[in-house]
Protein backbone atom coordinates (compact mmCIF):
# COMPACT_ATOMS: atom_id res chain seq x y z
CA MET A 1 6.58 -17.98 -14.19
CA ARG A 2 6.37 -20.03 -11.13
CA ILE A 3 7.34 -17.15 -9.12
CA VAL A 4 4.66 -14.77 -9.89
CA LYS A 5 2.28 -17.64 -9.94
CA ALA A 6 3.39 -18.21 -6.37
CA LEU A 7 2.38 -14.17 -5.59
CA ALA A 8 -0.81 -14.46 -6.63
CA LEU A 9 -1.43 -17.33 -4.76
CA ILE A 10 -0.27 -16.21 -1.04
CA SER A 11 -3.44 -15.10 0.07
CA ALA A 12 -6.80 -13.53 -1.07
CA ILE A 13 -7.66 -9.79 -1.37
CA ALA A 14 -10.83 -7.72 -2.18
CA LEU A 15 -10.11 -4.48 -4.06
CA LEU A 16 -13.20 -3.76 -6.13
CA PRO A 17 -14.88 -1.33 -2.77
CA LEU A 18 -11.56 0.91 -2.76
CA ALA A 19 -12.39 1.68 -6.63
CA ALA A 20 -15.78 2.40 -6.00
CA HIS A 21 -14.76 5.06 -3.23
CA ALA A 22 -11.82 6.81 -5.39
CA ALA A 23 -14.15 7.16 -8.18
CA GLU A 24 -16.25 9.45 -5.70
CA ASP A 25 -13.74 11.51 -4.51
CA LYS A 26 -13.14 14.39 -7.36
CA GLU A 27 -9.46 14.87 -6.71
CA LYS A 28 -7.43 13.72 -9.65
CA TRP A 29 -5.05 10.92 -8.67
CA GLU A 30 -2.64 9.93 -10.93
CA HIS A 31 0.68 8.18 -11.53
CA LYS A 32 2.24 6.05 -13.93
CA ALA A 33 4.95 3.52 -14.48
CA VAL A 34 7.45 4.96 -17.11
CA ALA A 35 8.07 2.87 -20.16
CA ASP A 36 11.07 1.29 -21.36
CA LYS A 37 11.95 3.38 -24.31
CA PRO A 38 15.13 4.55 -25.97
CA GLN A 39 14.70 7.89 -25.12
CA VAL A 40 12.78 9.01 -21.48
CA VAL A 41 11.42 12.81 -20.55
CA LEU A 42 10.98 13.12 -16.77
CA ASN A 43 8.63 15.92 -16.00
CA PRO A 44 10.81 18.21 -13.49
CA ALA A 45 6.81 18.58 -11.40
CA LYS A 46 6.64 15.25 -10.48
CA ALA A 47 8.67 12.62 -8.48
CA TYR A 48 9.88 9.28 -9.73
CA ILE A 49 10.33 6.41 -7.32
CA ALA A 50 12.89 3.24 -8.92
CA VAL A 51 13.06 0.35 -7.69
CA GLN A 52 14.87 -3.16 -8.52
CA GLY A 53 14.73 -6.85 -8.13
CA ASP A 54 16.67 -9.87 -8.87
CA TYR A 55 12.76 -10.94 -10.36
CA GLN A 56 9.91 -9.24 -11.02
CA VAL A 57 8.24 -7.71 -7.63
CA ASN A 58 5.10 -5.65 -7.18
CA PRO A 59 5.38 -3.46 -4.11
CA LEU A 60 2.37 -1.29 -3.01
CA LEU A 61 3.12 2.08 -2.37
CA MET A 62 0.59 4.53 -0.45
CA LYS A 63 0.90 7.93 -0.51
CA ARG A 64 0.52 9.54 3.42
CA PRO A 65 -1.16 13.01 3.30
CA ASN A 66 0.58 16.09 4.51
CA ALA A 67 -1.80 18.29 7.10
CA ASP A 68 -3.71 20.21 4.12
CA GLU A 69 -4.46 17.03 2.31
CA ALA A 70 -5.48 15.12 5.38
CA ALA A 71 -7.96 18.14 6.81
CA LYS A 72 -9.67 17.97 3.10
CA HIS A 73 -10.12 14.17 3.40
CA ALA A 74 -11.45 14.75 6.75
CA ALA A 75 -13.78 17.21 5.36
CA LYS A 76 -15.05 15.23 2.18
CA ARG A 77 -15.74 12.22 4.82
CA ALA A 78 -17.64 14.59 7.07
CA GLU A 79 -19.59 15.95 3.91
CA GLU A 80 -20.49 12.32 2.89
CA LEU A 81 -21.24 11.37 6.17
CA ALA A 82 -23.77 14.45 6.42
CA LYS A 83 -25.25 13.63 3.20
CA GLU A 84 -26.05 9.81 4.70
CA HIS A 85 -27.41 11.09 7.72
CA GLU A 86 -29.77 13.29 5.52
CA LYS A 87 -30.85 10.04 3.34
CA TRP A 88 -31.47 8.22 7.02
CA ALA A 89 -33.12 10.76 8.24
CA LYS A 90 -35.96 10.56 5.29
CA LYS A 91 -35.46 6.79 5.90
CA HIS A 92 -36.51 6.66 9.60
CA ALA A 93 -39.58 8.95 8.82
CA SER A 94 -40.94 6.70 6.53
CA TRP A 95 -40.20 4.11 8.96
CA GLU A 96 -41.89 5.84 11.97
CA LYS A 97 -45.16 5.74 10.09
CA GLU A 98 -45.23 2.48 8.75
CA VAL A 99 -44.58 0.89 12.02
CA ALA A 100 -47.51 3.35 12.95
CA LEU A 101 -49.85 1.88 10.43
CA LEU A 102 -49.01 -1.74 11.51
CA SER A 103 -48.81 -1.23 15.45
CA LYS A 104 -52.55 -1.48 15.19
CA SER A 105 -53.02 -4.78 12.77
CA SER A 106 -49.65 -6.48 13.07
CA PRO A 107 -47.72 -7.96 15.58
CA ALA A 108 -44.12 -6.81 16.56
CA ALA A 109 -42.11 -9.84 14.67
CA ASN A 110 -43.94 -8.49 11.03
CA ARG A 111 -42.73 -4.83 11.45
CA PRO A 112 -39.98 -3.47 9.60
CA LYS A 113 -36.51 -3.21 10.58
CA GLU A 114 -35.31 0.12 12.18
CA PRO A 115 -32.71 1.78 9.73
CA GLN A 116 -29.37 2.41 11.39
CA GLU A 117 -28.42 5.78 12.27
CA PRO A 118 -24.68 6.06 10.17
CA THR A 119 -22.62 7.84 13.19
CA GLU A 120 -18.85 8.71 13.34
CA ALA A 121 -18.36 5.31 14.80
CA ASN A 122 -20.00 3.19 11.99
CA PHE A 123 -19.99 5.20 8.92
CA SER A 124 -17.18 3.49 6.43
CA TRP A 125 -15.01 5.76 4.67
CA PRO A 126 -11.87 4.59 3.08
CA ARG A 127 -8.58 5.86 5.00
CA TYR A 128 -6.52 8.96 2.65
CA GLU A 129 -3.67 6.09 1.69
CA GLN A 130 -6.70 3.09 0.38
CA VAL A 131 -7.56 6.06 -2.50
CA HIS A 132 -3.75 6.99 -2.91
CA SER A 133 -2.53 4.08 -4.07
CA VAL A 134 0.58 3.35 -6.40
CA TYR A 135 0.92 -0.33 -7.68
CA ILE A 136 4.11 -1.02 -9.25
CA GLY A 137 4.94 -4.34 -11.35
CA PRO A 138 5.30 -6.87 -11.92
CA GLN A 139 5.12 -5.84 -15.79
CA ASN A 140 6.13 -2.39 -17.16
CA ARG A 141 9.42 -2.79 -16.11
CA PHE A 142 11.84 0.02 -17.23
CA ALA A 143 14.65 -2.20 -17.58
CA LYS A 144 14.92 -5.63 -17.35
CA ALA A 145 18.55 -7.84 -17.54
CA GLU A 146 19.78 -10.89 -18.76
CA GLY A 147 18.46 -13.29 -15.75
CA GLY A 148 15.30 -11.98 -14.97
CA ALA A 149 16.41 -9.01 -13.02
CA SER A 150 13.91 -6.34 -13.06
CA THR A 151 14.14 -2.33 -12.58
CA TYR A 152 10.55 -0.39 -12.45
CA LEU A 153 10.67 3.31 -12.54
CA HIS A 154 7.17 5.09 -11.75
CA GLU A 155 6.07 8.54 -11.85
CA VAL A 156 4.00 9.66 -8.65
CA GLU A 157 2.93 12.91 -6.94
CA PRO A 158 5.76 14.45 -4.70
CA GLY A 159 5.03 13.63 -1.07
CA GLU A 160 5.64 11.11 1.55
CA TYR A 161 5.09 7.24 0.30
CA VAL A 162 4.51 4.21 2.75
CA PHE A 163 5.85 0.68 1.60
CA TYR A 164 2.73 -1.44 2.41
CA GLY A 165 3.51 -4.63 1.23
CA ASN A 166 3.84 -6.99 -1.70
CA VAL A 167 0.55 -6.72 -3.63
CA MET A 168 -0.75 -7.36 -7.28
CA ALA A 169 -3.48 -5.35 -8.57
CA ALA A 170 -5.11 -7.61 -10.93
CA VAL A 171 -4.56 -11.13 -9.74
CA PRO A 172 -5.72 -11.91 -6.10
CA GLY A 173 -3.00 -12.29 -3.79
CA GLY A 174 0.14 -10.54 -1.82
CA LEU A 175 1.86 -9.99 1.59
CA CYS A 176 1.20 -6.92 3.78
CA ALA A 177 3.86 -5.42 5.74
CA CYS A 178 1.24 -4.62 8.72
CA LEU A 179 3.66 -5.68 11.13
CA GLY A 180 6.62 -3.13 10.39
CA THR A 181 7.42 -1.47 7.41
CA VAL A 182 9.17 1.65 6.25
CA SER A 183 8.30 5.31 4.56
CA PHE A 184 9.96 7.45 2.44
CA LYS A 185 9.72 11.30 0.87
CA ALA A 186 9.51 11.34 -3.16
CA GLU A 187 10.68 14.78 -3.96
CA ALA A 188 9.42 16.82 -7.07
CA GLY A 189 12.07 16.32 -9.79
CA LYS A 190 13.84 13.64 -8.30
CA VAL A 191 14.41 9.79 -8.55
CA THR A 192 14.12 8.48 -5.13
CA SER A 193 15.84 5.08 -5.61
CA LEU A 194 14.54 2.32 -3.14
CA GLY A 195 17.03 -0.06 -3.72
CA LYS A 196 16.91 -3.63 -4.42
CA MET A 197 13.30 -5.06 -2.82
CA ARG A 198 13.59 -9.02 -1.83
CA LEU A 199 10.99 -11.64 -1.21
CA PRO A 200 13.68 -14.22 1.02
CA TRP A 201 10.75 -16.99 0.73
CA ILE A 202 10.50 -16.52 -3.16
CA GLU A 203 14.20 -16.73 -2.95
CA SER A 204 14.20 -20.11 -1.31
CA LEU A 205 12.42 -22.06 -3.63
CA ARG A 206 15.32 -21.35 -6.22
CA GLY A 207 17.13 -23.42 -3.67
CA PRO A 208 17.51 -27.53 -3.20
CA LYS A 209 14.20 -29.06 -2.65
CA GLU A 210 15.33 -30.12 0.50
CA GLU A 211 16.07 -26.29 1.45
CA ARG A 212 12.93 -24.98 0.43
CA ALA A 213 10.49 -23.26 2.50
CA LYS A 214 7.00 -24.59 2.48
CA THR A 215 5.89 -21.21 3.54
CA SER A 216 6.93 -18.24 4.75
CA LEU A 217 6.64 -19.31 8.42
CA ASP A 218 9.19 -21.80 7.37
CA LEU A 219 11.82 -19.08 7.30
CA PRO A 220 15.08 -19.15 8.96
CA ALA A 221 14.62 -17.60 12.72
CA GLY A 222 14.56 -13.56 11.81
CA THR A 223 14.40 -13.68 8.43
CA THR A 224 10.73 -12.33 7.57
CA SER A 225 9.18 -12.53 3.35
CA LEU A 226 9.70 -8.66 2.84
CA ALA A 227 13.24 -7.02 2.68
CA PHE A 228 15.15 -3.72 0.95
CA ALA A 229 18.61 -4.22 0.32
CA PRO A 230 21.26 -1.18 -1.03
CA ALA A 231 21.09 -0.95 -4.62
CA PRO A 232 22.57 2.07 -6.48
CA PHE A 233 20.43 2.83 -9.45
CA ALA A 234 21.89 4.20 -12.53
CA ASP A 235 20.64 4.39 -16.07
CA PRO A 236 21.85 6.50 -19.19
CA ARG A 237 18.39 7.73 -19.90
CA VAL A 238 18.23 9.25 -16.47
CA PRO A 239 20.42 12.23 -15.52
CA ALA A 240 22.54 10.59 -12.43
CA ASP A 241 21.89 14.37 -10.37
CA MET A 242 18.49 13.45 -10.20
CA VAL A 243 18.83 10.01 -8.59
CA VAL A 244 19.04 9.94 -4.78
CA ALA A 245 18.64 7.07 -2.50
CA ALA A 246 15.80 6.84 -0.04
CA ARG A 247 15.82 7.98 3.16
CA PHE A 248 13.79 5.49 4.98
CA ALA A 249 12.24 6.03 8.24
CA PRO A 250 10.00 3.51 10.52
CA VAL A 251 6.71 2.56 10.64
CA ASP A 252 5.56 1.07 13.61
CA ARG A 253 2.02 -0.84 11.93
CA MET A 254 -0.27 -0.61 9.09
CA PRO A 255 -3.64 -1.77 8.87
CA ASN A 256 -4.56 -5.00 7.31
CA TRP A 257 -7.05 -3.43 4.99
CA PHE A 258 -7.33 -6.39 2.28
CA GLY A 259 -6.91 -9.22 4.84
CA LEU A 260 -3.64 -10.29 3.42
CA GLU A 261 -0.95 -12.76 4.83
CA VAL A 262 0.80 -10.36 7.73
CA ASP A 263 4.67 -9.83 7.75
CA ARG A 264 7.33 -7.24 8.28
CA VAL A 265 10.21 -5.35 6.51
CA MET A 266 13.55 -7.07 7.81
CA PRO A 267 15.53 -4.82 9.77
CA ILE A 268 17.74 -2.26 7.85
CA GLU A 269 21.13 -1.02 9.00
CA ASP A 270 20.59 2.67 10.73
CA VAL A 271 17.25 2.43 9.96
CA MET A 272 15.31 -0.19 12.46
CA ARG A 273 15.44 -3.27 14.26
CA TYR A 274 13.05 -5.14 16.41
CA GLU A 275 12.48 -6.11 19.75
CA ARG A 276 10.53 -9.00 19.52
CA ASP A 277 6.89 -7.00 18.07
CA LYS A 278 8.29 -3.39 18.76
CA VAL A 279 9.55 -1.65 16.03
CA VAL A 280 13.33 0.20 17.32
CA ASP A 281 13.84 3.54 15.32
CA LEU A 282 17.58 3.36 14.69
CA SER A 283 17.39 6.56 12.71
CA ALA A 284 16.30 8.94 15.90
CA PRO A 285 19.25 10.86 17.13
CA SER A 286 18.65 9.99 20.66
CA VAL A 287 19.46 6.46 19.12
CA ALA A 288 22.20 7.06 16.93
CA ALA A 289 24.31 8.66 19.46
CA ARG A 290 24.44 5.70 21.59
């Protein structure tokens, strides 16, 4: 329970504006946790993501658009911008009339402020990833073991996903992997296993009091607050031939959309490492050949 409370208090987050934007999108975006039941039926048209942890975790994943999805999202943004510009044109015409009437009898300081014209530069519209997010955990576990170990299995739409951080949907708080993270592909009819998700700072709180890190900045050099470790996923309810290990790819930066505490995923062998603040792609053929 202490761990869950600590996760909730890491930093502040505002998610309500995203929900409003998502409601405007006509696309039906669905995902759900697979419940812990004696028998499990998996949909071959869907993709599944498995995450394990020695405790409860709450990874936030975001779907990245393919070329067609990106084009549709851009078209939707252009459509909404055109609507807003049409509204502005009417407001501006009314403003001009009002200013013309007041110009003869009222000083300039008392005249209404000119409405701002919506443009490509100032029009606020969420990125595709923001309205295609997947919150996993910390509840709705697929399996749990003695000692608090957790396994999550989540049904999603097939595609490429990026790990955004450890973020709770219902309770303000979280960590953003904004300074270096990973993406992976989740294929239809497959269970993509991310292995074990680790939170080194939270793990430090389990040790002797004198060795506990007061904040994530007090962790040993080279240690961050977010990490993944290889761990096989096996469950008698899930066919073994459906399970594949995630093939991680480095992602250099992510915008801190929610104003969270920022960090980065710890280096992953044969995937990525860091040179100061630069992400080095170890999965690239030119690097692997060295």
